[in-house]
Amino acid sequence: MAGNSFDLIVLGSGPGGYVAAIRGAQLGLSVACVEAADLGGVCLNIGCIPTKALLTSALLVNEMKDGEKHGIIAKDVTYDLGPAQERSRRVVKQMTGGIGHLFKKNKVTHLKGYGRLQGGGKVEVSAEDGTKTVATGKHVIIATGSRPRDLPVLKIDEDRIWSSTGALMQTEAPKSLFIVGAGAIGMEFADVYASYGTKVTIVEAADRILPLEDAEVSKFVERTYKKRGIDVHTGAFFQSADIKGDGVTVTYKDAKGELQSLDVDYVLSAVGRVPNSEDIGLDAAGVKTDERGFVVVDEQLRTSVPGVYAIGDVAGNQLLAHKASHEGIVCVEYLAGEGHGTVDYSNVPNCTYCHPEVASIGLTEDQAKEAGHDIEVGKFPWVGSGRAVASGHSEGFVKVIRDKEYSEILGAHIVGPHATELIAEFVVGRHLESTVEEMEKAMHPHPTLSEGVAEGALAALGRAIHI
């Protein structure tokens, strides 16, 4: 379209925004994506991708510590976070450059600047030099993402009090690190820093770590972390941080209600995220938000204003990159008249990339019982898998929860090697409404970890072979 008029304008180039922009272009729409920072959003620049790069380095560090059993005899080996951090930034640069290439390939226009809705399909774009232009779109998608949440008693300064961004940018592993929050972000950074020699302490207000996961999985991961020398305190509430020149004195209330004090080098705040819904023109455009600031959308990702949509973290539900990408495709196909089908929020996988890895789909055992299902639970330990034992990583298990009436896969939970890859098989199984029997009847190659999926399904039927 001529000038600054487009069929579709997307605000934000994260995993929701850039995917929506590309899919729109594939469907023949003229598309612009407004982004002031580097393409890729939090996920590619300061989130999913660089943390996985660091976790890969951390795994190699731990493998080297146990290398003698593989015949790797190395003396006086040292570990340096600096090169690992530099590598993570190179990975980021490669991936963000790839999005720029995809935009050019699909003829998506990158409007570099900060976007604000003005109503009537108009978006003001403020460039870094202060100049402002206005673009018009028949459709506008808000994909502005989220940011780390501050606690009133723990203000992030990226100096002594880090967010996940500050934790990513360190080139030296400190002697000690105090982590507030034992969700995916807290547990992943605990893994990284402990691997490079930092004394890590974790405080979590819930009664267990990874509180969204199955209780049995949470307990298993907590045991493995404690074996690594990581201090874990659940049912504990952070109280204060007194920043000094060379560190921080933190206080927290333990599970017994007693105040505890600890001197550490740094603190990582990993207590969730809030939507980037301020200062993007929602009021001017008349777009409604809920009490927490998330944009209110329907099942086709439409906001309260015709022609305006919202996807990803800013639209609530699970704050996960893959959910955002999926919403982007669903949203664009609807507005283009293709009709993709709605997002199944009950079938969004959770993944934590610490070691051992954790992944899940569907209901936990407790949730299934609370929902009134008559269930059977099967558990297959990785020590029964030849591939897992041969690889030297046989910790953990596959847990499958089935409904006895129809043998529906109510939930699947994996802790151990490559859990985040293996969970996809259960995601597809649930999407296709497969029974537990059908999961097992699909032949799995030997020797592979995927056999654990079949064995977990058999265990839920009370007839696992290898345990």
Protein backbone atom coordinates (compact mmCIF):
# COMPACT_ATOMS: atom_id res chain seq x y z
CA MET A 1 0.00 0.00 0.00
CA ALA A 2 1.14 3.53 -0.62
CA GLY A 3 3.06 5.60 1.92
CA ASN A 4 2.62 4.62 5.54
CA SER A 5 -0.64 2.71 5.09
CA PHE A 6 -0.72 -1.04 5.63
CA ASP A 7 -3.18 -3.88 5.91
CA LEU A 8 -1.61 -4.86 9.23
CA ILE A 9 0.59 -3.08 11.78
CA VAL A 10 2.15 -5.11 14.58
CA LEU A 11 3.45 -3.38 17.71
CA GLY A 12 6.41 -5.40 18.95
CA SER A 13 8.74 -7.92 17.32
CA GLY A 14 8.92 -10.63 19.99
CA PRO A 15 7.95 -14.26 19.34
CA GLY A 16 4.32 -13.20 19.02
CA GLY A 17 4.83 -10.06 16.97
CA TYR A 18 7.37 -11.21 14.42
CA VAL A 19 5.54 -14.48 13.79
CA ALA A 20 2.26 -12.60 13.30
CA ALA A 21 3.95 -10.19 10.89
CA ILE A 22 5.47 -12.98 8.79
CA ARG A 23 2.26 -15.00 8.69
CA GLY A 24 0.33 -11.89 7.64
CA ALA A 25 2.75 -11.31 4.79
CA GLN A 26 2.45 -14.95 3.72
CA LEU A 27 -1.31 -14.42 3.45
CA GLY A 28 -0.83 -11.49 1.10
CA LEU A 29 -1.24 -8.63 3.55
CA SER A 30 0.98 -5.56 3.49
CA VAL A 31 2.58 -5.63 6.93
CA ALA A 32 4.63 -3.28 9.12
CA CYS A 33 6.20 -4.21 12.43
CA VAL A 34 6.98 -1.40 14.88
CA GLU A 35 10.02 -2.06 17.09
CA ALA A 36 12.35 0.40 18.79
CA ALA A 37 14.85 -2.14 20.11
CA ASP A 38 16.49 -5.10 18.40
CA LEU A 39 14.17 -7.48 16.60
CA GLY A 40 13.15 -10.56 18.56
CA GLY A 41 11.84 -9.01 21.75
CA VAL A 42 12.70 -10.30 25.21
CA CYS A 43 12.79 -13.93 24.09
CA LEU A 44 15.59 -13.67 21.58
CA ASN A 45 17.54 -10.80 23.13
CA ILE A 46 17.38 -11.17 26.90
CA GLY A 47 15.22 -14.22 27.56
CA CYS A 48 14.70 -17.70 26.16
CA ILE A 49 17.61 -17.91 23.74
CA PRO A 50 20.55 -16.48 25.72
CA THR A 51 19.52 -18.34 28.87
CA LYS A 52 19.46 -21.62 26.97
CA ALA A 53 22.92 -20.83 25.62
CA LEU A 54 24.17 -20.30 29.18
CA LEU A 55 22.44 -23.46 30.39
CA THR A 56 24.13 -25.44 27.62
CA SER A 57 27.49 -24.12 28.80
CA ALA A 58 26.60 -24.96 32.40
CA LEU A 59 25.75 -28.53 31.41
CA LEU A 60 29.14 -28.92 29.73
CA VAL A 61 30.83 -27.60 32.86
CA ASN A 62 29.10 -30.25 34.95
CA GLU A 63 29.91 -32.94 32.41
CA MET A 64 33.60 -32.03 32.65
CA LYS A 65 33.48 -32.30 36.43
CA ASP A 66 32.50 -35.94 35.96
CA GLY A 67 34.57 -36.54 32.85
CA GLU A 68 36.86 -39.26 34.20
CA LYS A 69 34.18 -41.92 33.84
CA HIS A 70 34.20 -41.15 30.10
CA GLY A 71 37.97 -41.34 29.92
CA ILE A 72 38.40 -37.58 29.87
CA ILE A 73 41.36 -36.98 32.16
CA ALA A 74 41.95 -33.28 32.64
CA LYS A 75 43.85 -31.76 35.52
CA ASP A 76 43.52 -28.25 36.95
CA VAL A 77 40.45 -27.48 34.83
CA THR A 78 38.93 -24.06 35.54
CA TYR A 79 35.52 -22.63 34.65
CA ASP A 80 34.93 -19.08 33.49
CA LEU A 81 31.48 -17.55 33.01
CA GLY A 82 32.87 -14.79 30.78
CA PRO A 83 33.34 -16.80 27.57
CA ALA A 84 29.98 -18.50 28.10
CA GLN A 85 28.29 -15.12 28.44
CA GLU A 86 30.03 -13.85 25.29
CA ARG A 87 28.92 -16.94 23.42
CA SER A 88 25.33 -16.37 24.51
CA ARG A 89 25.43 -12.87 23.01
CA ARG A 90 26.80 -14.23 19.71
CA VAL A 91 23.90 -16.66 19.61
CA VAL A 92 21.50 -13.76 20.16
CA LYS A 93 23.06 -11.74 17.35
CA GLN A 94 22.73 -14.65 14.95
CA MET A 95 19.08 -15.22 15.79
CA THR A 96 18.00 -11.57 15.68
CA GLY A 97 19.78 -11.16 12.37
CA GLY A 98 17.75 -14.09 11.14
CA ILE A 99 14.50 -12.26 11.88
CA GLY A 100 15.71 -9.28 9.86
CA HIS A 101 16.39 -11.65 6.97
CA LEU A 102 12.90 -13.19 7.30
CA PHE A 103 11.33 -9.72 7.28
CA LYS A 104 13.11 -8.87 4.04
CA LYS A 105 12.25 -12.24 2.51
CA ASN A 106 8.56 -11.77 3.32
CA LYS A 107 8.50 -8.03 2.55
CA VAL A 108 7.60 -7.00 6.11
CA THR A 109 8.41 -3.32 6.73
CA HIS A 110 10.28 -2.65 9.95
CA LEU A 111 9.22 0.72 11.34
CA LYS A 112 12.04 1.44 13.79
CA GLY A 113 10.73 3.35 16.77
CA TYR A 114 8.32 3.26 19.71
CA GLY A 115 4.70 2.74 18.72
CA ARG A 116 1.61 4.27 20.34
CA LEU A 117 -2.00 3.77 19.28
CA GLN A 118 -3.88 6.92 18.33
CA GLY A 119 -7.21 5.35 17.48
CA GLY A 120 -8.80 4.83 14.10
CA GLY A 121 -6.07 2.43 13.01
CA LYS A 122 -3.38 5.10 13.40
CA VAL A 123 -0.06 4.33 15.12
CA GLU A 124 2.44 7.03 16.02
CA VAL A 125 6.04 5.87 15.69
CA SER A 126 8.63 7.81 17.70
CA ALA A 127 12.16 7.31 16.37
CA GLU A 128 15.28 7.44 18.53
CA ASP A 129 16.17 10.90 17.16
CA GLY A 130 12.82 12.28 18.33
CA THR A 131 11.10 12.42 14.97
CA LYS A 132 7.56 11.13 14.78
CA THR A 133 5.62 9.60 11.93
CA VAL A 134 2.13 8.16 11.74
CA ALA A 135 1.31 4.85 10.08
CA THR A 136 -2.20 3.60 9.38
CA GLY A 137 -3.35 0.01 9.44
CA LYS A 138 -6.64 -1.69 8.65
CA HIS A 139 -5.72 -4.02 11.49
CA VAL A 140 -3.40 -3.44 14.45
CA ILE A 141 -1.95 -6.17 16.68
CA ILE A 142 -0.57 -5.27 20.11
CA ALA A 143 2.36 -7.57 20.91
CA THR A 144 4.33 -5.47 23.37
CA GLY A 145 5.20 -8.29 25.79
CA SER A 146 6.07 -8.03 29.46
CA ARG A 147 8.90 -7.10 31.84
CA PRO A 148 10.20 -8.33 35.22
CA ARG A 149 8.04 -7.46 38.18
CA ASP A 150 9.39 -5.35 41.02
CA LEU A 151 8.53 -6.16 44.62
CA PRO A 152 7.84 -3.17 46.87
CA VAL A 153 10.60 -4.45 49.15
CA LEU A 154 12.97 -5.43 46.34
CA LYS A 155 13.60 -2.80 43.69
CA ILE A 156 15.64 -3.95 40.71
CA ASP A 157 18.66 -1.74 39.91
CA GLU A 158 20.71 -4.24 37.82
CA ASP A 159 23.67 -3.40 40.05
CA ARG A 160 23.27 -5.40 43.26
CA ILE A 161 19.62 -6.36 42.65
CA TRP A 162 19.30 -8.11 39.32
CA SER A 163 16.39 -9.00 37.11
CA SER A 164 16.86 -11.86 34.65
CA THR A 165 18.42 -9.28 32.31
CA GLY A 166 21.11 -8.34 34.82
CA ALA A 167 21.80 -12.00 35.54
CA LEU A 168 22.32 -12.61 31.82
CA MET A 169 24.90 -9.87 31.41
CA GLN A 170 27.41 -10.91 34.07
CA THR A 171 30.86 -11.98 32.90
CA GLU A 172 32.02 -13.25 36.31
CA ALA A 173 30.33 -15.70 38.65
CA PRO A 174 30.04 -14.11 42.10
CA LYS A 175 30.85 -15.98 45.29
CA SER A 176 27.21 -15.85 46.40
CA LEU A 177 23.78 -15.19 44.90
CA PHE A 178 20.40 -14.98 46.62
CA ILE A 179 17.43 -15.79 44.35
CA VAL A 180 13.89 -14.70 45.21
CA GLY A 181 11.45 -16.98 43.41
CA ALA A 182 11.75 -20.64 42.43
CA GLY A 183 9.81 -20.59 39.19
CA ALA A 184 11.43 -21.38 35.85
CA ILE A 185 13.59 -18.24 35.75
CA GLY A 186 14.92 -18.61 39.28
CA MET A 187 15.65 -22.31 38.88
CA GLU A 188 17.43 -21.86 35.56
CA PHE A 189 19.75 -19.14 36.82
CA ALA A 190 20.41 -21.14 39.99
CA ASP A 191 21.61 -23.94 37.72
CA VAL A 192 23.90 -21.66 35.70
CA TYR A 193 25.55 -19.86 38.60
CA ALA A 194 25.93 -22.93 40.80
CA SER A 195 27.66 -24.68 37.88
CA TYR A 196 30.24 -21.90 37.73
CA GLY A 197 30.97 -22.04 41.45
CA THR A 198 28.54 -19.54 42.99
CA LYS A 199 26.98 -20.38 46.34
CA VAL A 200 23.27 -20.10 45.53
CA THR A 201 20.39 -19.66 47.97
CA ILE A 202 16.79 -19.81 46.77
CA VAL A 203 13.75 -18.49 48.67
CA GLU A 204 10.24 -19.36 47.48
CA ALA A 205 6.99 -18.23 49.12
CA ALA A 206 5.03 -21.26 47.92
CA ASP A 207 5.36 -24.55 49.77
CA ARG A 208 7.51 -26.01 46.98
CA ILE A 209 9.75 -25.00 44.12
CA LEU A 210 8.34 -24.91 40.57
CA PRO A 211 4.87 -24.47 42.08
CA LEU A 212 3.08 -24.84 38.73
CA GLU A 213 4.49 -28.33 38.25
CA ASP A 214 3.35 -31.65 39.66
CA ALA A 215 4.25 -31.91 43.36
CA GLU A 216 6.26 -35.09 42.84
CA VAL A 217 8.35 -33.38 40.17
CA SER A 218 8.96 -30.36 42.40
CA LYS A 219 10.19 -32.54 45.25
CA PHE A 220 12.53 -34.46 42.96
CA VAL A 221 14.15 -31.32 41.54
CA GLU A 222 14.53 -29.82 45.02
CA ARG A 223 16.40 -32.92 46.16
CA THR A 224 18.78 -32.78 43.19
CA TYR A 225 19.48 -29.07 43.78
CA LYS A 226 20.23 -29.66 47.45
CA LYS A 227 22.64 -32.45 46.49
CA ARG A 228 24.48 -29.88 44.36
CA GLY A 229 24.92 -27.65 47.41
CA ILE A 230 22.16 -25.19 46.56
CA ASP A 231 20.21 -23.99 49.60
CA VAL A 232 16.45 -24.07 49.02
CA HIS A 233 13.92 -22.51 51.39
CA THR A 234 10.24 -22.98 50.57
CA GLY A 235 7.31 -21.46 52.44
CA ALA A 236 9.68 -18.56 53.06
CA PHE A 237 8.97 -14.88 52.52
CA PHE A 238 11.52 -12.29 51.48
CA GLN A 239 11.57 -9.27 53.80
CA SER A 240 14.29 -6.79 52.88
CA ALA A 241 17.59 -6.11 51.13
CA ASP A 242 20.12 -3.76 52.66
CA ILE A 243 22.59 -2.80 49.93
CA LYS A 244 26.12 -2.16 51.07
CA GLY A 245 29.24 -1.25 49.13
CA ASP A 246 30.42 -4.81 48.66
CA GLY A 247 27.19 -6.74 48.83
CA VAL A 248 23.67 -7.11 50.19
CA THR A 249 22.28 -8.19 53.54
CA VAL A 250 19.00 -9.98 52.93
CA THR A 251 16.38 -10.98 55.46
CA TYR A 252 13.59 -13.47 55.00
CA LYS A 253 11.03 -15.24 57.13
CA ASP A 254 11.49 -19.02 57.02
CA ALA A 255 8.78 -21.67 57.01
CA LYS A 256 8.69 -21.59 60.83
CA GLY A 257 8.04 -17.84 60.77
CA GLU A 258 11.49 -17.01 62.11
CA LEU A 259 13.53 -14.16 60.63
CA GLN A 260 16.79 -15.15 58.96
CA SER A 261 19.60 -12.91 57.74
CA LEU A 262 22.27 -13.59 55.13
CA ASP A 263 25.11 -11.60 53.56
CA VAL A 264 25.43 -12.16 49.80
CA ASP A 265 27.11 -10.54 46.83
CA TYR A 266 24.01 -10.15 44.66
CA VAL A 267 20.26 -10.75 44.64
CA LEU A 268 18.20 -11.98 41.68
CA SER A 269 14.52 -11.02 41.68
CA ALA A 270 12.62 -13.75 39.83
CA VAL A 271 9.07 -13.15 41.03
CA GLY A 272 7.12 -12.95 37.80
CA ARG A 273 6.38 -10.43 35.08
CA VAL A 274 3.96 -7.59 34.34
CA PRO A 275 2.50 -6.57 30.94
CA ASN A 276 3.93 -3.72 28.88
CA SER A 277 0.55 -2.05 28.47
CA GLU A 278 1.36 1.46 29.70
CA ASP A 279 2.23 4.31 27.36
CA ILE A 280 1.19 2.51 24.20
CA GLY A 281 -1.98 4.51 23.63
CA LEU A 282 -4.55 2.05 24.93
CA ASP A 283 -6.64 4.81 26.52
CA ALA A 284 -6.52 6.93 23.37
CA ALA A 285 -7.70 3.99 21.30
CA GLY A 286 -10.30 2.87 23.86
CA VAL A 287 -8.73 -0.57 24.41
CA LYS A 288 -9.80 -2.19 27.69
CA THR A 289 -7.43 -3.82 30.16
CA ASP A 290 -8.10 -5.88 33.28
CA GLU A 291 -7.15 -4.96 36.84
CA ARG A 292 -3.60 -6.30 36.35
CA GLY A 293 -2.99 -4.34 33.14
CA PHE A 294 -3.42 -7.21 30.67
CA VAL A 295 -5.32 -6.37 27.48
CA VAL A 296 -8.73 -8.05 27.45
CA VAL A 297 -9.25 -10.24 24.36
CA ASP A 298 -11.74 -12.82 23.10
CA GLU A 299 -10.96 -16.25 21.70
CA GLN A 300 -9.96 -14.71 18.36
CA LEU A 301 -7.60 -12.28 20.15
CA ARG A 302 -9.87 -9.29 19.41
CA THR A 303 -9.80 -6.42 21.89
CA SER A 304 -12.73 -4.17 22.84
CA VAL A 305 -11.97 -2.03 19.76
CA PRO A 306 -12.79 -3.36 16.25
CA GLY A 307 -9.65 -3.86 14.17
CA VAL A 308 -7.34 -3.97 17.22
CA TYR A 309 -6.00 -7.26 18.56
CA ALA A 310 -3.57 -8.36 21.28
CA ILE A 311 -1.34 -11.43 21.56
CA GLY A 312 1.43 -12.80 23.75
CA ASP A 313 2.30 -11.73 27.27
CA VAL A 314 0.38 -8.45 27.08
CA ALA A 315 -2.81 -10.45 26.47
CA GLY A 316 -2.41 -12.63 29.58
CA ASN A 317 -2.84 -16.39 30.04
CA GLN A 318 0.49 -18.24 30.04
CA LEU A 319 3.43 -15.86 29.62
CA LEU A 320 5.33 -18.16 27.29
CA ALA A 321 7.01 -17.56 23.93
CA HIS A 322 5.42 -20.54 22.19
CA LYS A 323 1.96 -19.45 23.34
CA ALA A 324 2.63 -15.98 21.91
CA SER A 325 3.74 -17.36 18.55
CA HIS A 326 0.71 -19.61 18.33
CA GLU A 327 -1.62 -16.73 19.18
CA GLY A 328 0.04 -14.63 16.49
CA ILE A 329 -0.79 -17.21 13.83
CA VAL A 330 -4.34 -17.74 15.11
CA CYS A 331 -5.00 -14.00 15.23
CA VAL A 332 -3.65 -13.20 11.76
CA GLU A 333 -5.40 -16.10 10.08
CA TYR A 334 -8.70 -14.96 11.55
CA LEU A 335 -8.31 -11.34 10.52
CA ALA A 336 -7.28 -12.48 7.04
CA GLY A 337 -10.38 -14.64 6.79
CA GLU A 338 -8.57 -17.98 6.95
CA GLY A 339 -9.83 -19.21 10.34
CA HIS A 340 -7.12 -21.22 12.10
CA GLY A 341 -9.09 -22.44 15.10
CA THR A 342 -8.76 -21.06 18.58
CA VAL A 343 -5.90 -21.46 21.04
CA ASP A 344 -6.24 -24.44 23.38
CA TYR A 345 -4.92 -22.93 26.60
CA SER A 346 -5.32 -26.28 28.35
CA ASN A 347 -2.68 -27.79 26.06
CA VAL A 348 0.20 -25.32 26.41
CA PRO A 349 3.41 -27.08 27.51
CA ASN A 350 5.49 -25.80 30.42
CA CYS A 351 9.25 -26.17 30.15
CA THR A 352 12.07 -25.44 32.58
CA TYR A 353 15.54 -25.92 31.12
CA CYS A 354 17.48 -26.50 34.32
CA HIS A 355 19.27 -29.78 34.90
CA PRO A 356 17.45 -32.07 35.30
CA GLU A 357 15.02 -30.61 32.78
CA VAL A 358 11.33 -30.33 33.63
CA ALA A 359 8.40 -30.34 31.20
CA SER A 360 4.68 -30.89 31.54
CA ILE A 361 1.35 -30.72 29.80
CA GLY A 362 -2.19 -30.85 31.14
CA LEU A 363 -3.26 -31.52 34.71
CA THR A 364 -1.08 -32.37 37.68
CA GLU A 365 -2.07 -35.38 39.79
CA ASP A 366 -3.59 -33.11 42.45
CA GLN A 367 -5.52 -31.08 39.85
CA ALA A 368 -6.91 -34.22 38.25
CA LYS A 369 -8.16 -35.46 41.61
CA GLU A 370 -9.65 -32.06 42.51
CA ALA A 371 -11.49 -32.04 39.16
CA GLY A 372 -13.17 -35.29 40.14
CA HIS A 373 -11.50 -37.60 37.63
CA ASP A 374 -11.16 -41.29 38.38
CA ILE A 375 -7.48 -41.58 37.55
CA GLU A 376 -4.65 -44.03 37.22
CA VAL A 377 -1.10 -42.74 37.51
CA GLY A 378 1.88 -44.39 35.87
CA LYS A 379 5.52 -43.57 36.47
CA PHE A 380 8.51 -44.80 34.50
CA PRO A 381 11.96 -44.02 35.95
CA TRP A 382 14.76 -43.21 33.54
CA VAL A 383 16.95 -45.81 35.22
CA GLY A 384 14.84 -48.32 33.27
CA SER A 385 15.84 -46.77 29.93
CA GLY A 386 18.92 -48.19 28.23
CA ARG A 387 19.49 -44.94 26.34
CA ALA A 388 19.30 -42.86 29.52
CA VAL A 389 21.68 -45.13 31.41
CA ALA A 390 24.12 -45.22 28.47
CA SER A 391 24.14 -41.42 28.30
CA GLY A 392 24.95 -41.14 32.00
CA HIS A 393 21.75 -39.26 32.76
CA SER A 394 19.21 -41.63 34.26
CA GLU A 395 17.85 -39.32 36.93
CA GLY A 396 14.13 -38.56 36.96
CA PHE A 397 11.01 -40.12 35.49
CA VAL A 398 8.04 -39.88 33.12
CA LYS A 399 4.69 -39.58 34.86
CA VAL A 400 1.40 -40.07 33.01
CA ILE A 401 -2.05 -39.39 34.45
CA ARG A 402 -4.96 -40.99 32.64
CA ASP A 403 -8.71 -40.92 33.08
CA LYS A 404 -9.90 -44.48 33.62
CA GLU A 405 -13.23 -44.01 31.84
CA TYR A 406 -11.90 -43.07 28.40
CA SER A 407 -8.14 -43.54 28.96
CA GLU A 408 -7.69 -39.86 28.12
CA ILE A 409 -4.25 -38.35 28.73
CA LEU A 410 -5.11 -35.88 31.49
CA GLY A 411 -1.53 -34.88 32.12
CA ALA A 412 2.07 -35.84 31.46
CA HIS A 413 5.09 -34.77 33.50
CA ILE A 414 8.72 -35.42 32.64
CA VAL A 415 11.79 -34.68 34.72
CA GLY A 416 15.18 -35.73 33.42
CA PRO A 417 17.19 -35.77 30.19
CA HIS A 418 15.70 -33.85 27.25
CA ALA A 419 12.33 -33.55 28.97
CA THR A 420 11.57 -30.32 27.10
CA GLU A 421 11.88 -32.12 23.76
CA LEU A 422 10.00 -35.27 24.76
CA ILE A 423 6.95 -33.42 26.09
CA ALA A 424 5.96 -32.49 22.53
CA GLU A 425 4.87 -36.07 21.91
CA PHE A 426 2.29 -35.78 24.67
CA VAL A 427 1.22 -32.35 23.38
CA VAL A 428 0.47 -33.84 19.97
CA GLY A 429 -1.20 -36.85 21.58
CA ARG A 430 -3.54 -34.64 23.60
CA HIS A 431 -4.19 -32.40 20.58
CA LEU A 432 -5.28 -35.44 18.57
CA GLU A 433 -7.33 -36.73 21.53
CA SER A 434 -5.24 -39.87 21.67
CA THR A 435 -5.75 -42.43 24.38
CA VAL A 436 -2.90 -43.69 26.53
CA GLU A 437 -3.11 -46.99 24.63
CA GLU A 438 -2.56 -45.19 21.32
CA MET A 439 0.55 -43.47 22.67
CA GLU A 440 2.05 -46.87 23.44
CA LYS A 441 0.91 -48.55 20.22
CA ALA A 442 2.87 -46.03 18.14
CA MET A 443 6.23 -47.76 17.74
CA HIS A 444 9.19 -45.94 19.31
CA PRO A 445 12.77 -46.45 18.10
CA HIS A 446 15.30 -48.26 20.26
CA PRO A 447 17.43 -47.27 22.01
CA THR A 448 16.02 -43.77 22.51
CA LEU A 449 14.64 -41.66 25.31
CA SER A 450 11.35 -41.56 23.40
CA GLU A 451 10.75 -45.13 24.57
CA GLY A 452 10.15 -43.55 27.97
CA VAL A 453 7.00 -41.97 26.56
CA ALA A 454 5.62 -45.38 25.60
CA GLU A 455 6.72 -46.89 28.91
CA GLY A 456 5.09 -44.03 30.81
CA ALA A 457 1.86 -44.72 28.92
CA LEU A 458 2.12 -48.43 29.75
CA ALA A 459 2.79 -47.58 33.39
CA ALA A 460 -0.49 -45.63 33.49
CA LEU A 461 -2.15 -48.87 32.35
CA GLY A 462 -0.38 -50.85 35.06
CA ARG A 463 1.76 -52.85 32.65
CA ALA A 464 5.11 -51.19 32.03
CA ILE A 465 7.67 -53.59 30.58
CA HIS A 466 11.01 -52.33 31.84
CA ILE A 467 10.28 -51.67 35.51
